[in-house]
C-alpha atoms as a PDB file:
ATOM      1  CA  UNK A   1      76.216   1.319  73.177  1.00  0.00           C
ATOM      2  CA  UNK A   2      73.403   1.155  70.598  1.00  0.00           C
ATOM      3  CA  UNK A   3      69.723   1.161  71.680  1.00  0.00           C
ATOM      4  CA  UNK A   4      67.389  -1.406  70.142  1.00  0.00           C
ATOM      5  CA  UNK A   5      63.647  -0.706  70.160  1.00  0.00           C
ATOM      6  CA  UNK A   6      61.280  -3.614  69.519  1.00  0.00           C
ATOM      7  CA  UNK A   7      57.551  -2.839  68.879  1.00  0.00           C
ATOM      8  CA  UNK A   8      54.546  -4.818  67.799  1.00  0.00           C
ATOM      9  CA  UNK A   9      52.442  -2.723  65.295  1.00  0.00           C
ATOM     10  CA  UNK A  10      48.751  -3.509  64.935  1.00  0.00           C
ATOM     11  CA  UNK A  11      47.219  -3.952  61.437  1.00  0.00           C
ATOM     12  CA  UNK A  12      43.443  -3.506  61.115  1.00  0.00           C
ATOM     13  CA  UNK A  13      41.702  -4.698  57.946  1.00  0.00           C
ATOM     14  CA  UNK A  14      38.372  -3.025  57.233  1.00  0.00           C
ATOM     15  CA  UNK A  15      35.869  -4.781  54.912  1.00  0.00           C
ATOM     16  CA  UNK A  16      32.921  -3.419  52.986  1.00  0.00           C
ATOM     17  CA  UNK A  17      29.534  -2.736  54.440  1.00  0.00           C
ATOM     18  CA  UNK A  18      27.442  -5.781  55.172  1.00  0.00           C
ATOM     19  CA  UNK A  19      24.482  -4.247  53.281  1.00  0.00           C
ATOM     20  CA  UNK A  20      23.740  -1.181  51.129  1.00  0.00           C
ATOM     21  CA  UNK A  21      20.309   0.413  50.898  1.00  0.00           C
ATOM     22  CA  UNK A  22      19.433   2.649  47.961  1.00  0.00           C
ATOM     23  CA  UNK A  23      16.314   4.780  48.167  1.00  0.00           C
ATOM     24  CA  UNK A  24      15.107   5.642  44.619  1.00  0.00           C
ATOM     25  CA  UNK A  25      11.962   7.410  45.723  1.00  0.00           C
ATOM     26  CA  UNK A  26      13.657  10.723  46.307  1.00  0.00           C
ATOM     27  CA  UNK A  27      12.727  14.020  44.723  1.00  0.00           C
ATOM     28  CA  UNK A  28       9.785  15.198  42.634  1.00  0.00           C
ATOM     29  CA  UNK A  29       8.746  13.665  39.309  1.00  0.00           C
ATOM     30  CA  UNK A  30      10.283  15.277  36.237  1.00  0.00           C
ATOM     31  CA  UNK A  31       8.422  16.592  33.182  1.00  0.00           C
ATOM     32  CA  UNK A  32       7.021  13.993  30.809  1.00  0.00           C
ATOM     33  CA  UNK A  33       8.463  13.560  27.369  1.00  0.00           C
ATOM     34  CA  UNK A  34       6.957  14.612  24.063  1.00  0.00           C
ATOM     35  CA  UNK A  35       3.673  12.906  23.071  1.00  0.00           C
ATOM     36  CA  UNK A  36       2.633  12.195  19.495  1.00  0.00           C
ATOM     37  CA  UNK A  37      -1.153  12.474  18.999  1.00  0.00           C
ATOM     38  CA  UNK A  38      -3.177  11.296  16.004  1.00  0.00           C
ATOM     39  CA  UNK A  39      -6.534  12.707  14.981  1.00  0.00           C
ATOM     40  CA  UNK A  40      -9.072  13.488  12.280  1.00  0.00           C
ATOM     41  CA  UNK A  41      -9.739  17.235  12.896  1.00  0.00           C
ATOM     42  CA  UNK A  42      -7.213  20.023  12.780  1.00  0.00           C
ATOM     43  CA  UNK A  43      -5.670  20.159  16.256  1.00  0.00           C
ATOM     44  CA  UNK A  44      -6.606  23.820  16.572  1.00  0.00           C
ATOM     45  CA  UNK A  45     -10.287  22.960  15.996  1.00  0.00           C
ATOM     46  CA  UNK A  46     -12.601  23.096  19.017  1.00  0.00           C
ATOM     47  CA  UNK A  47     -13.731  19.521  18.267  1.00  0.00           C
ATOM     48  CA  UNK A  48     -10.186  18.142  18.529  1.00  0.00           C
ATOM     49  CA  UNK A  49      -9.692  15.851  21.541  1.00  0.00           C
ATOM     50  CA  UNK A  50      -6.533  14.600  23.206  1.00  0.00           C
ATOM     51  CA  UNK A  51      -5.762  11.693  25.530  1.00  0.00           C
ATOM     52  CA  UNK A  52      -3.519  14.032  27.557  1.00  0.00           C
ATOM     53  CA  UNK A  53      -3.409  17.776  27.990  1.00  0.00           C
ATOM     54  CA  UNK A  54      -0.884  18.950  25.331  1.00  0.00           C
ATOM     55  CA  UNK A  55       2.297  20.601  26.492  1.00  0.00           C
ATOM     56  CA  UNK A  56       4.853  22.590  24.523  1.00  0.00           C
ATOM     57  CA  UNK A  57       6.704  20.535  21.881  1.00  0.00           C
ATOM     58  CA  UNK A  58       4.022  17.820  21.645  1.00  0.00           C
ATOM     59  CA  UNK A  59       3.265  16.598  18.147  1.00  0.00           C
ATOM     60  CA  UNK A  60       0.004  15.901  16.334  1.00  0.00           C
ATOM     61  CA  UNK A  61      -0.429  14.037  13.024  1.00  0.00           C
ATOM     62  CA  UNK A  62      -3.597  14.729  11.058  1.00  0.00           C
ATOM     63  CA  UNK A  63      -4.883  11.441   9.492  1.00  0.00           C
ATOM     64  CA  UNK A  64      -7.989  12.610   7.642  1.00  0.00           C
ATOM     65  CA  UNK A  65      -7.326  11.649   4.016  1.00  0.00           C
ATOM     66  CA  UNK A  66     -10.096  14.000   2.805  1.00  0.00           C
ATOM     67  CA  UNK A  67      -8.221  16.981   4.224  1.00  0.00           C
ATOM     68  CA  UNK A  68      -5.646  19.008   2.367  1.00  0.00           C
ATOM     69  CA  UNK A  69      -3.540  18.674   5.525  1.00  0.00           C
ATOM     70  CA  UNK A  70      -3.529  14.863   5.398  1.00  0.00           C
ATOM     71  CA  UNK A  71      -0.335  13.552   7.153  1.00  0.00           C
ATOM     72  CA  UNK A  72       0.673  17.057   8.225  1.00  0.00           C
ATOM     73  CA  UNK A  73       2.661  17.121  11.480  1.00  0.00           C
ATOM     74  CA  UNK A  74       1.767  19.941  13.900  1.00  0.00           C
ATOM     75  CA  UNK A  75       3.761  20.982  16.953  1.00  0.00           C
ATOM     76  CA  UNK A  76       2.422  22.627  20.049  1.00  0.00           C
ATOM     77  CA  UNK A  77       4.390  25.830  20.559  1.00  0.00           C
ATOM     78  CA  UNK A  78       4.100  29.302  22.044  1.00  0.00           C
ATOM     79  CA  UNK A  79       3.658  32.034  19.440  1.00  0.00           C
ATOM     80  CA  UNK A  80       3.170  35.636  20.519  1.00  0.00           C
ATOM     81  CA  UNK A  81       2.530  34.367  24.032  1.00  0.00           C
ATOM     82  CA  UNK A  82      -0.292  32.078  22.879  1.00  0.00           C
ATOM     83  CA  UNK A  83       0.006  28.253  22.934  1.00  0.00           C
ATOM     84  CA  UNK A  84      -1.130  26.800  19.594  1.00  0.00           C
ATOM     85  CA  UNK A  85      -0.580  24.014  17.103  1.00  0.00           C
ATOM     86  CA  UNK A  86       1.617  25.016  14.170  1.00  0.00           C
ATOM     87  CA  UNK A  87       2.190  22.869  11.087  1.00  0.00           C
ATOM     88  CA  UNK A  88       5.825  21.924  10.722  1.00  0.00           C
ATOM     89  CA  UNK A  89       6.196  19.252   8.013  1.00  0.00           C
ATOM     90  CA  UNK A  90       4.264  16.671   6.028  1.00  0.00           C
ATOM     91  CA  UNK A  91       5.170  13.044   6.195  1.00  0.00           C
ATOM     92  CA  UNK A  92       6.009  11.156   3.006  1.00  0.00           C
ATOM     93  CA  UNK A  93       3.670  12.028   0.152  1.00  0.00           C
ATOM     94  CA  UNK A  94       0.435  10.079  -0.119  1.00  0.00           C
ATOM     95  CA  UNK A  95       1.952   7.890  -2.779  1.00  0.00           C
ATOM     96  CA  UNK A  96       2.202   4.168  -3.234  1.00  0.00           C
ATOM     97  CA  UNK A  97       3.867   2.446  -6.145  1.00  0.00           C
ATOM     98  CA  UNK A  98       3.988  -1.254  -6.970  1.00  0.00           C
ATOM     99  CA  UNK A  99       4.636  -3.637  -9.876  1.00  0.00           C
ATOM    100  CA  UNK A 100       2.201  -6.584 -10.062  1.00  0.00           C
ATOM    101  CA  UNK A 101       1.915  -9.460 -12.499  1.00  0.00           C
ATOM    102  CA  UNK A 102      -1.657  -9.567 -13.767  1.00  0.00           C
ATOM    103  CA  UNK A 103      -3.395 -11.974 -16.101  1.00  0.00           C
ATOM    104  CA  UNK A 104      -5.534 -10.517 -18.884  1.00  0.00           C
ATOM    105  CA  UNK A 105      -8.479 -12.539 -20.117  1.00  0.00           C
ATOM    106  CA  UNK A 106     -10.446 -11.060 -22.995  1.00  0.00           C
ATOM    107  CA  UNK A 107      -9.031  -7.586 -22.242  1.00  0.00           C
ATOM    108  CA  UNK A 108      -9.688  -7.589 -18.501  1.00  0.00           C
ATOM    109  CA  UNK A 109      -7.385  -8.107 -15.492  1.00  0.00           C
ATOM    110  CA  UNK A 110      -8.280  -7.753 -11.819  1.00  0.00           C
ATOM    111  CA  UNK A 111      -6.208  -7.314  -8.670  1.00  0.00           C
ATOM    112  CA  UNK A 112      -6.725  -6.281  -5.056  1.00  0.00           C
ATOM    113  CA  UNK A 113      -4.289  -4.053  -3.141  1.00  0.00           C
ATOM    114  CA  UNK A 114      -4.055  -4.297   0.662  1.00  0.00           C
ATOM    115  CA  UNK A 115      -5.229  -0.921   1.860  1.00  0.00           C
ATOM    116  CA  UNK A 116      -2.613  -0.700   4.641  1.00  0.00           C
ATOM    117  CA  UNK A 117       0.184  -1.048   2.082  1.00  0.00           C
ATOM    118  CA  UNK A 118      -1.118   2.208   0.624  1.00  0.00           C
ATOM    119  CA  UNK A 119      -1.055   3.852   4.023  1.00  0.00           C
ATOM    120  CA  UNK A 120      -4.598   5.106   4.594  1.00  0.00           C
ATOM    121  CA  UNK A 121      -4.135   5.589   8.316  1.00  0.00           C
ATOM    122  CA  UNK A 122      -7.660   6.629   9.357  1.00  0.00           C
ATOM    123  CA  UNK A 123      -9.034   3.249   8.264  1.00  0.00           C
ATOM    124  CA  UNK A 124      -7.156   1.689  11.178  1.00  0.00           C
ATOM    125  CA  UNK A 125      -9.366   3.514  13.625  1.00  0.00           C
ATOM    126  CA  UNK A 126     -12.568   2.750  11.683  1.00  0.00           C
ATOM    127  CA  UNK A 127     -13.257   6.415  11.073  1.00  0.00           C
ATOM    128  CA  UNK A 128     -13.464   6.202   7.275  1.00  0.00           C
ATOM    129  CA  UNK A 129     -16.682   4.835   5.736  1.00  0.00           C
ATOM    130  CA  UNK A 130     -16.107   2.308   2.951  1.00  0.00           C
ATOM    131  CA  UNK A 131     -18.971   3.672   0.841  1.00  0.00           C
ATOM    132  CA  UNK A 132     -17.610   5.876  -1.973  1.00  0.00           C
ATOM    133  CA  UNK A 133     -14.078   5.221  -0.738  1.00  0.00           C
ATOM    134  CA  UNK A 134     -13.024   4.646  -4.402  1.00  0.00           C
ATOM    135  CA  UNK A 135     -13.020   8.433  -4.886  1.00  0.00           C
ATOM    136  CA  UNK A 136     -10.208   8.802  -2.353  1.00  0.00           C
ATOM    137  CA  UNK A 137      -7.684   7.223  -4.749  1.00  0.00           C
ATOM    138  CA  UNK A 138      -6.052   8.369  -7.948  1.00  0.00           C
ATOM    139  CA  UNK A 139      -4.746   5.315  -9.757  1.00  0.00           C
ATOM    140  CA  UNK A 140      -2.560   5.299 -12.859  1.00  0.00           C
ATOM    141  CA  UNK A 141      -1.344   2.200 -14.632  1.00  0.00           C
ATOM    142  CA  UNK A 142       1.028   1.306 -17.450  1.00  0.00           C
ATOM    143  CA  UNK A 143       1.920  -2.135 -18.821  1.00  0.00           C
ATOM    144  CA  UNK A 144       5.077  -3.940 -19.709  1.00  0.00           C
ATOM    145  CA  UNK A 145       3.104  -5.752 -22.376  1.00  0.00           C
ATOM    146  CA  UNK A 146       4.948  -8.950 -22.968  1.00  0.00           C
ATOM    147  CA  UNK A 147       4.352 -12.463 -21.681  1.00  0.00           C
ATOM    148  CA  UNK A 148       6.207 -12.611 -18.327  1.00  0.00           C
ATOM    149  CA  UNK A 149       6.602 -16.389 -18.562  1.00  0.00           C
ATOM    150  CA  UNK A 150       9.019 -15.788 -21.466  1.00  0.00           C
ATOM    151  CA  UNK A 151      11.529 -14.809 -18.745  1.00  0.00           C
ATOM    152  CA  UNK A 152      11.852 -18.485 -17.747  1.00  0.00           C
ATOM    153  CA  UNK A 153      10.748 -20.274 -20.921  1.00  0.00           C
ATOM    154  CA  UNK A 154      12.690 -19.442 -24.123  1.00  0.00           C
ATOM    155  CA  UNK A 155      10.019 -21.132 -26.208  1.00  0.00           C
ATOM    156  CA  UNK A 156       7.477 -18.427 -25.289  1.00  0.00           C
ATOM    157  CA  UNK A 157       7.554 -15.212 -27.314  1.00  0.00           C
ATOM    158  CA  UNK A 158       8.818 -12.142 -25.459  1.00  0.00           C
ATOM    159  CA  UNK A 159       7.458  -9.749 -28.095  1.00  0.00           C
ATOM    160  CA  UNK A 160       6.515  -6.436 -26.582  1.00  0.00           C
ATOM    161  CA  UNK A 161       3.458  -4.818 -28.200  1.00  0.00           C
ATOM    162  CA  UNK A 162       2.208  -1.233 -27.695  1.00  0.00           C
ATOM    163  CA  UNK A 163      -0.759  -1.219 -25.340  1.00  0.00           C
ATOM    164  CA  UNK A 164      -3.491   1.024 -24.065  1.00  0.00           C
ATOM    165  CA  UNK A 165      -4.941   0.559 -20.594  1.00  0.00           C
ATOM    166  CA  UNK A 166      -7.884   1.962 -18.653  1.00  0.00           C
ATOM    167  CA  UNK A 167      -8.377   1.740 -14.867  1.00  0.00           C
ATOM    168  CA  UNK A 168     -11.514   1.149 -12.842  1.00  0.00           C
ATOM    169  CA  UNK A 169     -11.354   1.551  -9.034  1.00  0.00           C
ATOM    170  CA  UNK A 170     -14.086   0.258  -6.746  1.00  0.00           C
ATOM    171  CA  UNK A 171     -14.912   0.752  -3.077  1.00  0.00           C
ATOM    172  CA  UNK A 172     -12.686  -0.803  -0.404  1.00  0.00           C
ATOM    173  CA  UNK A 173     -14.012  -4.140   0.811  1.00  0.00           C
ATOM    174  CA  UNK A 174     -13.210  -6.635   3.559  1.00  0.00           C
ATOM    175  CA  UNK A 175     -11.603  -9.718   2.078  1.00  0.00           C
ATOM    176  CA  UNK A 176     -12.985 -12.576   4.178  1.00  0.00           C
ATOM    177  CA  UNK A 177     -10.213 -14.959   3.093  1.00  0.00           C
ATOM    178  CA  UNK A 178      -7.635 -13.085   5.180  1.00  0.00           C
ATOM    179  CA  UNK A 179      -9.750 -10.440   7.028  1.00  0.00           C
ATOM    180  CA  UNK A 180      -7.854  -7.634   5.310  1.00  0.00           C
ATOM    181  CA  UNK A 181      -9.267  -4.486   3.704  1.00  0.00           C
ATOM    182  CA  UNK A 182      -8.575  -4.413  -0.025  1.00  0.00           C
ATOM    183  CA  UNK A 183      -8.839  -1.854  -2.827  1.00  0.00           C
ATOM    184  CA  UNK A 184     -10.164  -3.621  -5.952  1.00  0.00           C
ATOM    185  CA  UNK A 185      -8.683  -2.434  -9.269  1.00  0.00           C
ATOM    186  CA  UNK A 186      -9.792  -3.593 -12.716  1.00  0.00           C
ATOM    187  CA  UNK A 187      -7.586  -3.005 -15.739  1.00  0.00           C
ATOM    188  CA  UNK A 188      -8.943  -2.947 -19.296  1.00  0.00           C
ATOM    189  CA  UNK A 189      -6.179  -3.463 -21.861  1.00  0.00           C
ATOM    190  CA  UNK A 190      -5.815  -3.551 -25.642  1.00  0.00           C
ATOM    191  CA  UNK A 191      -2.681  -4.015 -27.750  1.00  0.00           C
ATOM    192  CA  UNK A 192      -1.680  -3.019 -31.245  1.00  0.00           C
ATOM    193  CA  UNK A 193      -0.536  -6.029 -33.259  1.00  0.00           C
ATOM    194  CA  UNK A 194       0.690  -3.938 -36.207  1.00  0.00           C
ATOM    195  CA  UNK A 195      -2.689  -3.877 -37.939  1.00  0.00           C
ATOM    196  CA  UNK A 196      -5.387  -3.169 -35.396  1.00  0.00           C
ATOM    197  CA  UNK A 197      -6.118  -2.891 -31.682  1.00  0.00           C
ATOM    198  CA  UNK A 198      -7.088  -6.156 -30.043  1.00  0.00           C
ATOM    199  CA  UNK A 199      -8.071  -7.024 -26.491  1.00  0.00           C
ATOM    200  CA  UNK A 200      -5.128  -8.450 -24.502  1.00  0.00           C
ATOM    201  CA  UNK A 201      -6.053 -12.059 -23.932  1.00  0.00           C
ATOM    202  CA  UNK A 202      -4.545 -15.060 -22.153  1.00  0.00           C
ATOM    203  CA  UNK A 203      -1.428 -13.104 -21.236  1.00  0.00           C
ATOM    204  CA  UNK A 204       0.527 -12.441 -18.056  1.00  0.00           C
ATOM    205  CA  UNK A 205       2.041  -8.957 -18.031  1.00  0.00           C
ATOM    206  CA  UNK A 206       3.601  -6.565 -15.487  1.00  0.00           C
ATOM    207  CA  UNK A 207       1.303  -3.715 -14.393  1.00  0.00           C
ATOM    208  CA  UNK A 208       3.084  -0.657 -13.026  1.00  0.00           C
ATOM    209  CA  UNK A 209       0.712   1.036 -10.589  1.00  0.00           C
ATOM    210  CA  UNK A 210       0.911   4.499  -9.025  1.00  0.00           C
ATOM    211  CA  UNK A 211      -1.675   5.188  -6.322  1.00  0.00           C
ATOM    212  CA  UNK A 212      -2.281   8.540  -4.654  1.00  0.00           C
ATOM    213  CA  UNK A 213      -4.557   9.194  -1.686  1.00  0.00           C
ATOM    214  CA  UNK A 214      -6.527  12.336  -2.561  1.00  0.00           C
ATOM    215  CA  UNK A 215      -9.478  14.362  -1.394  1.00  0.00           C
ATOM    216  CA  UNK A 216     -12.764  12.911  -2.758  1.00  0.00           C
ATOM    217  CA  UNK A 217     -14.683  16.157  -2.488  1.00  0.00           C
ATOM    218  CA  UNK A 218     -14.200  17.266  -6.104  1.00  0.00           C
ATOM    219  CA  UNK A 219     -16.049  14.132  -7.279  1.00  0.00           C
ATOM    220  CA  UNK A 220     -18.533  13.615  -4.432  1.00  0.00           C
ATOM    221  CA  UNK A 221     -19.604  17.280  -4.485  1.00  0.00           C
ATOM    222  CA  UNK A 222     -20.396  16.943  -8.164  1.00  0.00           C
ATOM    223  CA  UNK A 223     -22.900  14.113  -7.884  1.00  0.00           C
ATOM    224  CA  UNK A 224     -24.265  15.397  -4.567  1.00  0.00           C
ATOM    225  CA  UNK A 225     -25.118  18.702  -6.187  1.00  0.00           C
ATOM    226  CA  UNK A 226     -26.814  16.768  -9.000  1.00  0.00           C
ATOM    227  CA  UNK A 227     -29.063  15.046  -6.484  1.00  0.00           C
ATOM    228  CA  UNK A 228     -30.155  18.333  -4.888  1.00  0.00           C
END
């Protein structure tokens, strides 16, 4: 005769915890990341100051436009067992190029370039005096000497005449109309009409400008020595 066993198994369903507590304040603080410092003096100079004590691999960008090391990037490294700042690279060259439409009247055209477009960084911190700031720039200009309005009006002559241009740069000034620092540039232009040179007059042309930020010392030393 067969035996029949009847049982009643129990099934227990376990749910998740009613609450979970995560403690994030565990362990010591890790090392800080790399800092990028900006300054006027060479970072190895005794007069250089830092907002934090430098550690290995920190970076420093020199922003003194009168220095030959302008826009040089230094890194804090250990060399021969001594921590020191070592130049690694230079940022983009101190060059700014732009094409501007200028209007010549009796051989003269004027324009103002926003100084921050050029990239003179130390002006942002107010460390650069505006007096004699014109000597910090090397400006070259050429002209596409035809009437620009001829591009949209076929009745206006598009004749392109040979031209000579001279550049005058003046000190940076604060433009009160927009509270921006500007570099004033005056262009003096004459064109050859096939017979003689004449002042460019009542004409809108394209000026191609190349501006370099340079050390002013070669010029300022010259007239300072003359005063002594």
